[in-house]
Amino acid sequence: MPRAITLLIALAFGLLALTSPAAAQGDRDCYQFTSWYDAQEVYEASMVNPGWDVFFLDEDGDGLACECLYYGYHCLTPWD
């Protein structure tokens, strides 16, 4: 019985993660944002677990998403 409860709890957390606003947005990349503020907002909202960047918007883990936008550079697209 305790194992069944543990599995149900894990399933509930998995469903919660899938229905979060971050998951609903689909995959996001820095070049898709028009401003650093938008990217940072999505980054902060997508932190399902502390230290886990769902969209990998913070490449160096310093808390700043899409530093190319923060510093005013062109963010590379997958085609660059």
PDB file of N, CA and C in Angstrom:
ATOM      1  N   MET A   1       0.807  -1.208   0.000  1.00  0.00           N
ATOM      2  CA  MET A   1       0.000   0.000   0.000  1.00  0.00           C
ATOM      3  C   MET A   1       0.853   1.276   0.000  1.00  0.00           C
ATOM      4  N   PRO A   2       1.923   1.407   0.821  1.00  0.00           N
ATOM      5  CA  PRO A   2       2.728   2.634   0.776  1.00  0.00           C
ATOM      6  C   PRO A   2       3.370   2.868  -0.586  1.00  0.00           C
ATOM      7  N   ARG A   3       3.733   1.792  -1.283  1.00  0.00           N
ATOM      8  CA  ARG A   3       4.337   1.965  -2.601  1.00  0.00           C
ATOM      9  C   ARG A   3       3.320   2.553  -3.576  1.00  0.00           C
ATOM     10  N   ALA A   4       2.068   2.124  -3.485  1.00  0.00           N
ATOM     11  CA  ALA A   4       1.025   2.654  -4.356  1.00  0.00           C
ATOM     12  C   ALA A   4       0.815   4.146  -4.099  1.00  0.00           C
ATOM     13  N   ILE A   5       0.860   4.540  -2.863  1.00  0.00           N
ATOM     14  CA  ILE A   5       0.698   5.961  -2.514  1.00  0.00           C
ATOM     15  C   ILE A   5       1.869   6.765  -3.071  1.00  0.00           C
ATOM     16  N   THR A   6       3.071   6.225  -2.946  1.00  0.00           N
ATOM     17  CA  THR A   6       4.250   6.905  -3.471  1.00  0.00           C
ATOM     18  C   THR A   6       4.145   7.078  -4.986  1.00  0.00           C
ATOM     19  N   LEU A   7       3.688   6.052  -5.664  1.00  0.00           N
ATOM     20  CA  LEU A   7       3.526   6.142  -7.114  1.00  0.00           C
ATOM     21  C   LEU A   7       2.465   7.167  -7.497  1.00  0.00           C
ATOM     22  N   LEU A   8       1.376   7.219  -6.743  1.00  0.00           N
ATOM     23  CA  LEU A   8       0.327   8.206  -7.031  1.00  0.00           C
ATOM     24  C   LEU A   8       0.830   9.632  -6.814  1.00  0.00           C
ATOM     25  N   ILE A   9       1.618   9.825  -5.783  1.00  0.00           N
ATOM     26  CA  ILE A   9       2.177  11.161  -5.522  1.00  0.00           C
ATOM     27  C   ILE A   9       3.127  11.553  -6.647  1.00  0.00           C
ATOM     28  N   ALA A  10       3.976  10.627  -7.076  1.00  0.00           N
ATOM     29  CA  ALA A  10       4.902  10.909  -8.174  1.00  0.00           C
ATOM     30  C   ALA A  10       4.136  11.235  -9.455  1.00  0.00           C
ATOM     31  N   LEU A  11       3.080  10.501  -9.720  1.00  0.00           N
ATOM     32  CA  LEU A  11       2.258  10.763 -10.897  1.00  0.00           C
ATOM     33  C   LEU A  11       1.608  12.140 -10.821  1.00  0.00           C
ATOM     34  N   ALA A  12       1.128  12.510  -9.642  1.00  0.00           N
ATOM     35  CA  ALA A  12       0.498  13.822  -9.470  1.00  0.00           C
ATOM     36  C   ALA A  12       1.491  14.945  -9.731  1.00  0.00           C
ATOM     37  N   PHE A  13       2.723  14.808  -9.222  1.00  0.00           N
ATOM     38  CA  PHE A  13       3.731  15.836  -9.459  1.00  0.00           C
ATOM     39  C   PHE A  13       4.124  15.886 -10.935  1.00  0.00           C
ATOM     40  N   GLY A  14       4.171  14.742 -11.589  1.00  0.00           N
ATOM     41  CA  GLY A  14       4.476  14.710 -13.015  1.00  0.00           C
ATOM     42  C   GLY A  14       3.409  15.411 -13.831  1.00  0.00           C
ATOM     43  N   LEU A  15       2.155  15.173 -13.505  1.00  0.00           N
ATOM     44  CA  LEU A  15       1.064  15.844 -14.208  1.00  0.00           C
ATOM     45  C   LEU A  15       1.072  17.334 -13.938  1.00  0.00           C
ATOM     46  N   LEU A  16       1.406  17.715 -12.721  1.00  0.00           N
ATOM     47  CA  LEU A  16       1.482  19.132 -12.377  1.00  0.00           C
ATOM     48  C   LEU A  16       2.556  19.823 -13.207  1.00  0.00           C
ATOM     49  N   ALA A  17       3.692  19.171 -13.363  1.00  0.00           N
ATOM     50  CA  ALA A  17       4.772  19.756 -14.170  1.00  0.00           C
ATOM     51  C   ALA A  17       4.357  19.892 -15.628  1.00  0.00           C
ATOM     52  N   LEU A  18       3.613  18.927 -16.145  1.00  0.00           N
ATOM     53  CA  LEU A  18       3.177  18.980 -17.540  1.00  0.00           C
ATOM     54  C   LEU A  18       2.122  20.045 -17.782  1.00  0.00           C
ATOM     55  N   THR A  19       1.362  20.396 -16.763  1.00  0.00           N
ATOM     56  CA  THR A  19       0.307  21.397 -16.925  1.00  0.00           C
ATOM     57  C   THR A  19       0.735  22.768 -16.434  1.00  0.00           C
ATOM     58  N   SER A  20       2.011  22.935 -16.100  1.00  0.00           N
ATOM     59  CA  SER A  20       2.486  24.232 -15.641  1.00  0.00           C
ATOM     60  C   SER A  20       2.509  25.214 -16.805  1.00  0.00           C
ATOM     61  N   PRO A  21       2.475  26.522 -16.531  1.00  0.00           N
ATOM     62  CA  PRO A  21       2.527  27.507 -17.603  1.00  0.00           C
ATOM     63  C   PRO A  21       3.786  27.378 -18.447  1.00  0.00           C
ATOM     64  N   ALA A  22       4.894  27.012 -17.825  1.00  0.00           N
ATOM     65  CA  ALA A  22       6.139  26.869 -18.574  1.00  0.00           C
ATOM     66  C   ALA A  22       6.033  25.741 -19.585  1.00  0.00           C
ATOM     67  N   ALA A  23       5.451  24.624 -19.189  1.00  0.00           N
ATOM     68  CA  ALA A  23       5.319  23.494 -20.103  1.00  0.00           C
ATOM     69  C   ALA A  23       4.347  23.816 -21.233  1.00  0.00           C
ATOM     70  N   ALA A  24       3.363  24.639 -20.946  1.00  0.00           N
ATOM     71  CA  ALA A  24       2.363  24.983 -21.951  1.00  0.00           C
ATOM     72  C   ALA A  24       2.952  25.857 -23.052  1.00  0.00           C
ATOM     73  N   GLN A  25       4.049  26.546 -22.774  1.00  0.00           N
ATOM     74  CA  GLN A  25       4.651  27.434 -23.759  1.00  0.00           C
ATOM     75  C   GLN A  25       5.462  26.683 -24.801  1.00  0.00           C
ATOM     76  N   GLY A  26       5.762  25.447 -24.582  1.00  0.00           N
ATOM     77  CA  GLY A  26       6.638  24.716 -25.489  1.00  0.00           C
ATOM     78  C   GLY A  26       8.074  25.127 -25.270  1.00  0.00           C
ATOM     79  N   ASP A  27       8.966  24.572 -26.074  1.00  0.00           N
ATOM     80  CA  ASP A  27      10.379  24.879 -25.931  1.00  0.00           C
ATOM     81  C   ASP A  27      10.639  26.329 -26.311  1.00  0.00           C
ATOM     82  N   ARG A  28      11.471  27.005 -25.544  1.00  0.00           N
ATOM     83  CA  ARG A  28      11.802  28.404 -25.805  1.00  0.00           C
ATOM     84  C   ARG A  28      13.306  28.534 -25.970  1.00  0.00           C
ATOM     85  N   ASP A  29      13.726  29.394 -26.879  1.00  0.00           N
ATOM     86  CA  ASP A  29      15.129  29.695 -27.106  1.00  0.00           C
ATOM     87  C   ASP A  29      15.315  31.205 -27.069  1.00  0.00           C
ATOM     88  N   CYS A  30      16.520  31.629 -26.736  1.00  0.00           N
ATOM     89  CA  CYS A  30      16.778  33.060 -26.553  1.00  0.00           C
ATOM     90  C   CYS A  30      16.438  33.898 -27.777  1.00  0.00           C
ATOM     91  N   TYR A  31      16.715  33.399 -28.961  1.00  0.00           N
ATOM     92  CA  TYR A  31      16.466  34.198 -30.168  1.00  0.00           C
ATOM     93  C   TYR A  31      14.976  34.473 -30.389  1.00  0.00           C
ATOM     94  N   GLN A  32      14.099  33.741 -29.677  1.00  0.00           N
ATOM     95  CA  GLN A  32      12.659  33.923 -29.850  1.00  0.00           C
ATOM     96  C   GLN A  32      12.103  35.092 -29.031  1.00  0.00           C
ATOM     97  N   PHE A  33      12.883  35.632 -28.124  1.00  0.00           N
ATOM     98  CA  PHE A  33      12.416  36.731 -27.275  1.00  0.00           C
ATOM     99  C   PHE A  33      12.780  38.071 -27.890  1.00  0.00           C
ATOM    100  N   THR A  34      11.894  39.044 -27.710  1.00  0.00           N
ATOM    101  CA  THR A  34      12.163  40.381 -28.220  1.00  0.00           C
ATOM    102  C   THR A  34      12.905  41.243 -27.210  1.00  0.00           C
ATOM    103  N   SER A  35      12.892  40.846 -25.941  1.00  0.00           N
ATOM    104  CA  SER A  35      13.623  41.602 -24.928  1.00  0.00           C
ATOM    105  C   SER A  35      14.160  40.669 -23.860  1.00  0.00           C
ATOM    106  N   TRP A  36      15.200  41.147 -23.184  1.00  0.00           N
ATOM    107  CA  TRP A  36      15.772  40.376 -22.086  1.00  0.00           C
ATOM    108  C   TRP A  36      14.754  40.219 -20.960  1.00  0.00           C
ATOM    109  N   TYR A  37      13.956  41.233 -20.718  1.00  0.00           N
ATOM    110  CA  TYR A  37      12.961  41.175 -19.637  1.00  0.00           C
ATOM    111  C   TYR A  37      11.961  40.049 -19.861  1.00  0.00           C
ATOM    112  N   ASP A  38      11.536  39.867 -21.116  1.00  0.00           N
ATOM    113  CA  ASP A  38      10.622  38.764 -21.431  1.00  0.00           C
ATOM    114  C   ASP A  38      11.296  37.416 -21.183  1.00  0.00           C
ATOM    115  N   ALA A  39      12.539  37.294 -21.609  1.00  0.00           N
ATOM    116  CA  ALA A  39      13.277  36.043 -21.414  1.00  0.00           C
ATOM    117  C   ALA A  39      13.482  35.753 -19.929  1.00  0.00           C
ATOM    118  N   GLN A  40      13.829  36.766 -19.167  1.00  0.00           N
ATOM    119  CA  GLN A  40      14.059  36.577 -17.732  1.00  0.00           C
ATOM    120  C   GLN A  40      12.764  36.178 -17.020  1.00  0.00           C
ATOM    121  N   GLU A  41      11.656  36.765 -17.435  1.00  0.00           N
ATOM    122  CA  GLU A  41      10.367  36.435 -16.838  1.00  0.00           C
ATOM    123  C   GLU A  41      10.003  34.966 -17.089  1.00  0.00           C
ATOM    124  N   VAL A  42      10.196  34.506 -18.310  1.00  0.00           N
ATOM    125  CA  VAL A  42       9.910  33.108 -18.635  1.00  0.00           C
ATOM    126  C   VAL A  42      10.871  32.189 -17.889  1.00  0.00           C
ATOM    127  N   TYR A  43      12.135  32.574 -17.823  1.00  0.00           N
ATOM    128  CA  TYR A  43      13.134  31.795 -17.093  1.00  0.00           C
ATOM    129  C   TYR A  43      12.726  31.610 -15.636  1.00  0.00           C
ATOM    130  N   GLU A  44      12.364  32.704 -14.976  1.00  0.00           N
ATOM    131  CA  GLU A  44      11.989  32.639 -13.558  1.00  0.00           C
ATOM    132  C   GLU A  44      10.704  31.836 -13.358  1.00  0.00           C
ATOM    133  N   ALA A  45       9.754  31.957 -14.275  1.00  0.00           N
ATOM    134  CA  ALA A  45       8.500  31.213 -14.156  1.00  0.00           C
ATOM    135  C   ALA A  45       8.686  29.732 -14.448  1.00  0.00           C
ATOM    136  N   SER A  46       9.723  29.394 -15.217  1.00  0.00           N
ATOM    137  CA  SER A  46       9.915  27.999 -15.621  1.00  0.00           C
ATOM    138  C   SER A  46      10.762  27.196 -14.656  1.00  0.00           C
ATOM    139  N   MET A  47      11.208  27.815 -13.599  1.00  0.00           N
ATOM    140  CA  MET A  47      12.038  27.102 -12.624  1.00  0.00           C
ATOM    141  C   MET A  47      11.148  26.182 -11.794  1.00  0.00           C
ATOM    142  N   VAL A  48      10.860  24.992 -12.328  1.00  0.00           N
ATOM    143  CA  VAL A  48       9.999  24.029 -11.655  1.00  0.00           C
ATOM    144  C   VAL A  48      10.621  23.625 -10.327  1.00  0.00           C
ATOM    145  N   ASN A  49      11.890  23.323 -10.345  1.00  0.00           N
ATOM    146  CA  ASN A  49      12.657  23.013  -9.144  1.00  0.00           C
ATOM    147  C   ASN A  49      13.795  24.012  -9.058  1.00  0.00           C
ATOM    148  N   PRO A  50      14.134  24.475  -7.862  1.00  0.00           N
ATOM    149  CA  PRO A  50      15.248  25.417  -7.747  1.00  0.00           C
ATOM    150  C   PRO A  50      16.505  24.859  -8.413  1.00  0.00           C
ATOM    151  N   GLY A  51      17.112  25.667  -9.249  1.00  0.00           N
ATOM    152  CA  GLY A  51      18.332  25.260  -9.932  1.00  0.00           C
ATOM    153  C   GLY A  51      18.110  24.452 -11.202  1.00  0.00           C
ATOM    154  N   TRP A  52      16.865  24.246 -11.596  1.00  0.00           N
ATOM    155  CA  TRP A  52      16.603  23.471 -12.812  1.00  0.00           C
ATOM    156  C   TRP A  52      15.962  24.381 -13.841  1.00  0.00           C
ATOM    157  N   ASP A  53      16.713  24.765 -14.840  1.00  0.00           N
ATOM    158  CA  ASP A  53      16.282  25.665 -15.896  1.00  0.00           C
ATOM    159  C   ASP A  53      15.636  24.838 -17.007  1.00  0.00           C
ATOM    160  N   VAL A  54      14.319  24.824 -17.059  1.00  0.00           N
ATOM    161  CA  VAL A  54      13.573  23.975 -17.981  1.00  0.00           C
ATOM    162  C   VAL A  54      13.972  24.211 -19.435  1.00  0.00           C
ATOM    163  N   PHE A  55      14.136  25.464 -19.829  1.00  0.00           N
ATOM    164  CA  PHE A  55      14.416  25.792 -21.217  1.00  0.00           C
ATOM    165  C   PHE A  55      15.904  26.029 -21.497  1.00  0.00           C
ATOM    166  N   PHE A  56      16.745  25.900 -20.490  1.00  0.00           N
ATOM    167  CA  PHE A  56      18.188  26.132 -20.621  1.00  0.00           C
ATOM    168  C   PHE A  56      18.470  27.537 -21.153  1.00  0.00           C
ATOM    169  N   LEU A  57      17.751  28.511 -20.594  1.00  0.00           N
ATOM    170  CA  LEU A  57      17.940  29.900 -20.994  1.00  0.00           C
ATOM    171  C   LEU A  57      19.137  30.540 -20.295  1.00  0.00           C
ATOM    172  N   ASP A  58      19.589  29.933 -19.213  1.00  0.00           N
ATOM    173  CA  ASP A  58      20.735  30.442 -18.453  1.00  0.00           C
ATOM    174  C   ASP A  58      21.880  29.446 -18.616  1.00  0.00           C
ATOM    175  N   GLU A  59      22.710  29.684 -19.619  1.00  0.00           N
ATOM    176  CA  GLU A  59      23.745  28.719 -19.957  1.00  0.00           C
ATOM    177  C   GLU A  59      24.821  28.573 -18.888  1.00  0.00           C
ATOM    178  N   ASP A  60      25.164  29.653 -18.186  1.00  0.00           N
ATOM    179  CA  ASP A  60      26.253  29.563 -17.217  1.00  0.00           C
ATOM    180  C   ASP A  60      25.777  29.488 -15.763  1.00  0.00           C
ATOM    181  N   GLY A  61      24.464  29.465 -15.554  1.00  0.00           N
ATOM    182  CA  GLY A  61      23.920  29.272 -14.207  1.00  0.00           C
ATOM    183  C   GLY A  61      24.067  30.448 -13.264  1.00  0.00           C
ATOM    184  N   ASP A  62      24.218  31.658 -13.804  1.00  0.00           N
ATOM    185  CA  ASP A  62      24.383  32.826 -12.940  1.00  0.00           C
ATOM    186  C   ASP A  62      23.072  33.548 -12.628  1.00  0.00           C
ATOM    187  N   GLY A  63      21.955  33.014 -13.119  1.00  0.00           N
ATOM    188  CA  GLY A  63      20.656  33.618 -12.831  1.00  0.00           C
ATOM    189  C   GLY A  63      20.178  34.593 -13.891  1.00  0.00           C
ATOM    190  N   LEU A  64      21.019  34.896 -14.866  1.00  0.00           N
ATOM    191  CA  LEU A  64      20.631  35.780 -15.964  1.00  0.00           C
ATOM    192  C   LEU A  64      20.290  34.934 -17.180  1.00  0.00           C
ATOM    193  N   ALA A  65      19.068  35.047 -17.622  1.00  0.00           N
ATOM    194  CA  ALA A  65      18.642  34.320 -18.823  1.00  0.00           C
ATOM    195  C   ALA A  65      19.059  35.102 -20.057  1.00  0.00           C
ATOM    196  N   CYS A  66      19.387  34.400 -21.095  1.00  0.00           N
ATOM    197  CA  CYS A  66      19.652  35.004 -22.409  1.00  0.00           C
ATOM    198  C   CYS A  66      20.569  36.219 -22.316  1.00  0.00           C
ATOM    199  N   GLU A  67      21.785  35.969 -21.864  1.00  0.00           N
ATOM    200  CA  GLU A  67      22.725  37.074 -21.677  1.00  0.00           C
ATOM    201  C   GLU A  67      23.034  37.797 -22.981  1.00  0.00           C
ATOM    202  N   CYS A  68      22.830  37.128 -24.109  1.00  0.00           N
ATOM    203  CA  CYS A  68      23.023  37.817 -25.390  1.00  0.00           C
ATOM    204  C   CYS A  68      22.052  38.998 -25.483  1.00  0.00           C
ATOM    205  N   LEU A  69      20.830  38.816 -25.016  1.00  0.00           N
ATOM    206  CA  LEU A  69      19.858  39.921 -25.017  1.00  0.00           C
ATOM    207  C   LEU A  69      20.172  40.934 -23.927  1.00  0.00           C
ATOM    208  N   TYR A  70      20.639  40.444 -22.775  1.00  0.00           N
ATOM    209  CA  TYR A  70      20.962  41.326 -21.645  1.00  0.00           C
ATOM    210  C   TYR A  70      22.045  42.318 -22.037  1.00  0.00           C
ATOM    211  N   TYR A  71      23.052  41.837 -22.769  1.00  0.00           N
ATOM    212  CA  TYR A  71      24.154  42.700 -23.172  1.00  0.00           C
ATOM    213  C   TYR A  71      23.945  43.335 -24.546  1.00  0.00           C
ATOM    214  N   GLY A  72      22.788  43.082 -25.164  1.00  0.00           N
ATOM    215  CA  GLY A  72      22.444  43.720 -26.422  1.00  0.00           C
ATOM    216  C   GLY A  72      23.020  43.057 -27.660  1.00  0.00           C
ATOM    217  N   TYR A  73      23.446  41.812 -27.539  1.00  0.00           N
ATOM    218  CA  TYR A  73      23.973  41.087 -28.703  1.00  0.00           C
ATOM    219  C   TYR A  73      22.851  40.371 -29.430  1.00  0.00           C
ATOM    220  N   HIS A  74      23.168  39.904 -30.629  1.00  0.00           N
ATOM    221  CA  HIS A  74      22.243  39.069 -31.402  1.00  0.00           C
ATOM    222  C   HIS A  74      22.329  37.648 -30.859  1.00  0.00           C
ATOM    223  N   CYS A  75      21.204  37.083 -30.473  1.00  0.00           N
ATOM    224  CA  CYS A  75      21.190  35.700 -30.009  1.00  0.00           C
ATOM    225  C   CYS A  75      21.192  34.780 -31.224  1.00  0.00           C
ATOM    226  N   LEU A  76      22.052  33.790 -31.194  1.00  0.00           N
ATOM    227  CA  LEU A  76      22.164  32.875 -32.326  1.00  0.00           C
ATOM    228  C   LEU A  76      20.915  32.035 -32.495  1.00  0.00           C
ATOM    229  N   THR A  77      20.549  31.843 -33.726  1.00  0.00           N
ATOM    230  CA  THR A  77      19.448  30.931 -34.054  1.00  0.00           C
ATOM    231  C   THR A  77      20.051  29.564 -34.364  1.00  0.00           C
ATOM    232  N   PRO A  78      19.256  28.528 -34.430  1.00  0.00           N
ATOM    233  CA  PRO A  78      19.792  27.216 -34.766  1.00  0.00           C
ATOM    234  C   PRO A  78      20.420  27.190 -36.167  1.00  0.00           C
ATOM    235  N   TRP A  79      20.109  28.174 -36.994  1.00  0.00           N
ATOM    236  CA  TRP A  79      20.598  28.209 -38.370  1.00  0.00           C
ATOM    237  C   TRP A  79      21.866  29.009 -38.519  1.00  0.00           C
ATOM    238  N   ASP A  80      22.290  29.721 -37.435  1.00  0.00           N
ATOM    239  CA  ASP A  80      23.520  30.537 -37.504  1.00  0.00           C
ATOM    240  C   ASP A  80      24.756  29.679 -37.445  1.00  0.00           C
TER     241      ASP A  80
END
